[in-house]
Protein backbone atom coordinates (compact mmCIF):
# COMPACT_ATOMS: atom_id res chain seq x y z
CA MET A 1 0.00 0.00 0.00
CA ASN A 2 1.29 3.48 -0.89
CA THR A 3 1.10 5.68 2.17
CA PHE A 4 2.33 8.81 0.41
CA LEU A 5 -0.34 8.97 -2.33
CA SER A 6 -3.75 10.50 -1.78
CA ALA A 7 -6.82 8.43 -2.63
CA GLU A 8 -7.22 10.42 -5.86
CA GLN A 9 -3.58 9.87 -6.83
CA GLU A 10 -3.82 6.15 -6.09
CA ALA A 11 -6.96 5.88 -8.23
CA ILE A 12 -5.32 7.66 -11.16
CA ARG A 13 -2.19 5.56 -10.68
CA GLN A 14 -4.29 2.43 -11.10
CA THR A 15 -5.93 3.92 -14.21
CA TYR A 16 -2.49 4.69 -15.67
CA LEU A 17 -1.20 1.19 -14.86
CA THR A 18 -4.21 -0.35 -16.61
CA PHE A 19 -3.72 1.93 -19.62
CA ALA A 20 -0.02 1.04 -19.81
CA ALA A 21 -0.74 -2.69 -19.61
CA LYS A 22 -3.38 -2.53 -22.34
CA THR A 23 -1.83 0.07 -24.64
CA ILE A 24 1.94 0.16 -24.12
CA ALA A 25 2.83 -3.44 -23.26
CA PRO A 26 1.53 -4.89 -26.55
CA LYS A 27 3.51 -2.35 -28.59
CA VAL A 28 6.88 -2.51 -26.80
CA LYS A 29 8.55 -4.76 -29.38
CA GLU A 30 7.33 -2.60 -32.27
CA LEU A 31 8.55 0.57 -30.53
CA GLU A 32 11.95 -0.95 -29.77
CA ASP A 33 12.31 -2.26 -33.33
CA HIS A 34 11.29 1.17 -34.70
CA LYS A 35 8.31 -0.34 -36.49
CA ILE A 36 6.21 2.33 -34.78
CA CYS A 37 7.41 5.92 -35.13
CA LEU A 38 7.97 7.36 -31.64
CA LYS A 39 6.82 10.83 -32.68
CA ASP A 40 3.57 9.41 -34.08
CA PHE A 41 3.07 7.34 -30.94
CA LEU A 42 3.62 10.37 -28.71
CA GLN A 43 1.18 12.37 -30.82
CA GLU A 44 -1.42 9.61 -30.36
CA LEU A 45 -0.91 9.88 -26.60
CA GLY A 46 -1.41 13.63 -26.97
CA GLN A 47 -4.68 13.13 -28.83
CA LYS A 48 -5.85 10.97 -25.92
CA GLY A 49 -4.95 13.76 -23.46
CA TYR A 50 -1.90 12.15 -21.87
CA LEU A 51 0.64 14.77 -22.98
CA GLY A 52 -1.39 17.55 -21.40
CA ILE A 53 -1.81 16.04 -17.95
CA ALA A 54 -0.21 19.03 -16.20
CA ALA A 55 -1.05 21.69 -18.79
CA PRO A 56 -3.53 24.18 -17.33
CA ARG A 57 -7.18 23.75 -18.29
CA GLU A 58 -7.29 27.22 -19.86
CA TYR A 59 -4.73 25.95 -22.39
CA GLY A 60 -6.58 22.71 -23.13
CA GLY A 61 -4.83 20.48 -20.61
CA GLN A 62 -6.09 18.42 -17.69
CA GLY A 63 -4.82 20.92 -15.10
CA GLN A 64 -3.31 18.24 -12.86
CA SER A 65 -0.18 18.57 -10.77
CA PHE A 66 3.22 17.38 -11.95
CA GLU A 67 2.85 14.40 -9.60
CA PHE A 68 0.24 13.01 -12.00
CA CYS A 69 2.82 13.20 -14.80
CA ALA A 70 5.26 11.28 -12.61
CA LEU A 71 2.63 8.61 -11.99
CA PHE A 72 2.00 8.29 -15.74
CA VAL A 73 5.73 8.09 -16.52
CA GLU A 74 6.14 5.44 -13.82
CA ALA A 75 3.29 3.36 -15.28
CA ILE A 76 4.61 3.65 -18.85
CA SER A 77 8.18 2.92 -17.75
CA ARG A 78 7.15 -0.48 -16.38
CA TYR A 79 6.89 -1.57 -20.00
CA GLU A 80 8.96 0.91 -22.03
CA PRO A 81 11.46 3.02 -20.03
CA GLY A 82 12.62 4.90 -23.14
CA LEU A 83 9.08 6.11 -23.75
CA GLY A 84 8.90 7.15 -20.10
CA LEU A 85 12.06 9.22 -20.56
CA SER A 86 10.60 10.88 -23.66
CA LEU A 87 7.46 11.75 -21.72
CA ALA A 88 9.44 13.11 -18.76
CA ASN A 89 11.34 15.47 -21.06
CA HIS A 90 8.13 16.62 -22.69
CA TYR A 91 6.43 17.22 -19.33
CA SER A 92 9.47 19.20 -18.12
CA ILE A 93 8.96 21.71 -20.92
CA ILE A 94 5.34 22.17 -19.88
CA GLU A 95 6.41 22.75 -16.27
CA VAL A 96 9.02 25.34 -17.24
CA LEU A 97 6.53 27.19 -19.43
CA LYS A 98 3.92 27.17 -16.67
CA LYS A 99 6.35 28.64 -14.18
CA TYR A 100 8.54 30.95 -16.27
CA GLY A 101 6.82 31.44 -19.62
CA THR A 102 5.26 34.71 -20.70
CA ASP A 103 1.52 34.80 -21.32
CA THR A 104 2.27 34.81 -25.06
CA GLN A 105 4.52 31.75 -24.78
CA LYS A 106 1.95 29.91 -22.66
CA SER A 107 -0.93 30.60 -25.02
CA ARG A 108 1.17 29.69 -28.06
CA TYR A 109 2.89 26.53 -26.86
CA LEU A 110 0.94 24.89 -24.01
CA PRO A 111 -2.04 23.90 -26.19
CA LEU A 112 0.28 22.47 -28.86
CA LEU A 113 2.35 20.55 -26.29
CA GLY A 114 -0.74 19.24 -24.52
CA ARG A 115 -2.28 17.92 -27.73
CA GLY A 116 1.00 16.42 -28.93
CA GLU A 117 1.17 18.63 -32.01
CA VAL A 118 4.54 19.79 -30.70
CA ILE A 119 6.85 17.55 -28.67
CA GLY A 120 9.22 19.12 -26.16
CA THR A 121 12.79 18.31 -25.21
CA LEU A 122 15.62 19.37 -22.92
CA ALA A 123 19.03 20.14 -24.42
CA PHE A 124 21.44 20.30 -21.48
CA SER A 125 24.27 17.82 -22.00
CA GLU A 126 27.41 18.82 -23.95
CA PRO A 127 30.35 16.81 -25.37
CA ASN A 128 32.92 18.27 -22.93
CA ALA A 129 30.62 19.14 -20.06
CA GLY A 130 28.16 16.28 -19.71
CA THR A 131 25.63 17.63 -17.25
CA ASP A 132 28.11 19.83 -15.36
CA PHE A 133 26.23 23.10 -15.68
CA LYS A 134 29.30 25.16 -14.77
CA ALA A 135 31.22 23.70 -17.72
CA VAL A 136 28.55 24.46 -20.34
CA ASN A 137 29.95 26.31 -23.35
CA THR A 138 26.77 26.92 -25.33
CA SER A 139 26.13 30.64 -25.44
CA VAL A 140 23.51 33.11 -26.58
CA GLU A 141 24.41 36.39 -28.23
CA LYS A 142 22.09 39.23 -29.09
CA GLN A 143 22.29 40.19 -32.75
CA GLY A 144 20.02 43.13 -33.39
CA GLU A 145 16.45 42.00 -32.73
CA SER A 146 17.43 38.31 -32.72
CA LEU A 147 19.33 35.90 -30.52
CA LEU A 148 22.05 33.59 -31.85
CA LEU A 149 22.57 30.29 -30.06
CA LYS A 150 26.10 28.84 -30.41
CA GLY A 151 27.19 25.44 -29.15
CA LYS A 152 26.74 21.68 -29.34
CA LYS A 153 24.43 19.47 -27.36
CA THR A 154 24.46 15.69 -26.98
CA TRP A 155 21.92 13.15 -25.82
CA VAL A 156 18.88 15.28 -26.62
CA ILE A 157 15.90 13.03 -25.97
CA ASN A 158 13.15 13.68 -28.54
CA GLY A 159 15.68 15.89 -30.34
CA GLU A 160 15.17 14.35 -33.73
CA PHE A 161 11.52 15.45 -33.85
CA ALA A 162 11.00 17.97 -31.05
CA GLY A 163 9.29 21.19 -31.97
CA LEU A 164 10.26 23.04 -28.79
CA ALA A 165 13.50 22.77 -26.84
CA LEU A 166 14.74 24.16 -23.57
CA VAL A 167 18.46 24.75 -24.20
CA LEU A 168 20.91 25.27 -21.36
CA SER A 169 23.25 28.11 -22.26
CA LYS A 170 25.06 31.08 -20.84
């Protein structure tokens, strides 16, 4: 018995576990063999509402706390940990936008992220820095009205198809 989950969280956890067993488990081999496109699969999850778990209701999401995302990732990861990692990266972008995004950024991106029309990613790790934030060399320079991002990132989960990235730079 989980003593740290509320009754509501435990109920949703059971719903997520059932969903994962019925939907994810049968497709693991196809996902691992790349017979199913990960981007398409994530977009299907978005259409079912699972990418917008923590997106605010006013932006088309479910308006749940980040803990619900963690419960979903945990359920999915029982069968396909790589998919869980992809989801965790995506949910992180939603959390950052909720907390630090401008109203324009929120209204533009949160609905797209929640529906799976845009997939998010984190770009932190670098060839010579790993995840040592102090050693990051990627930089941003202002050039007139624009910003120029210079640097290299490695191990960018969802990077091959992400439509929105949070890039660690200085």
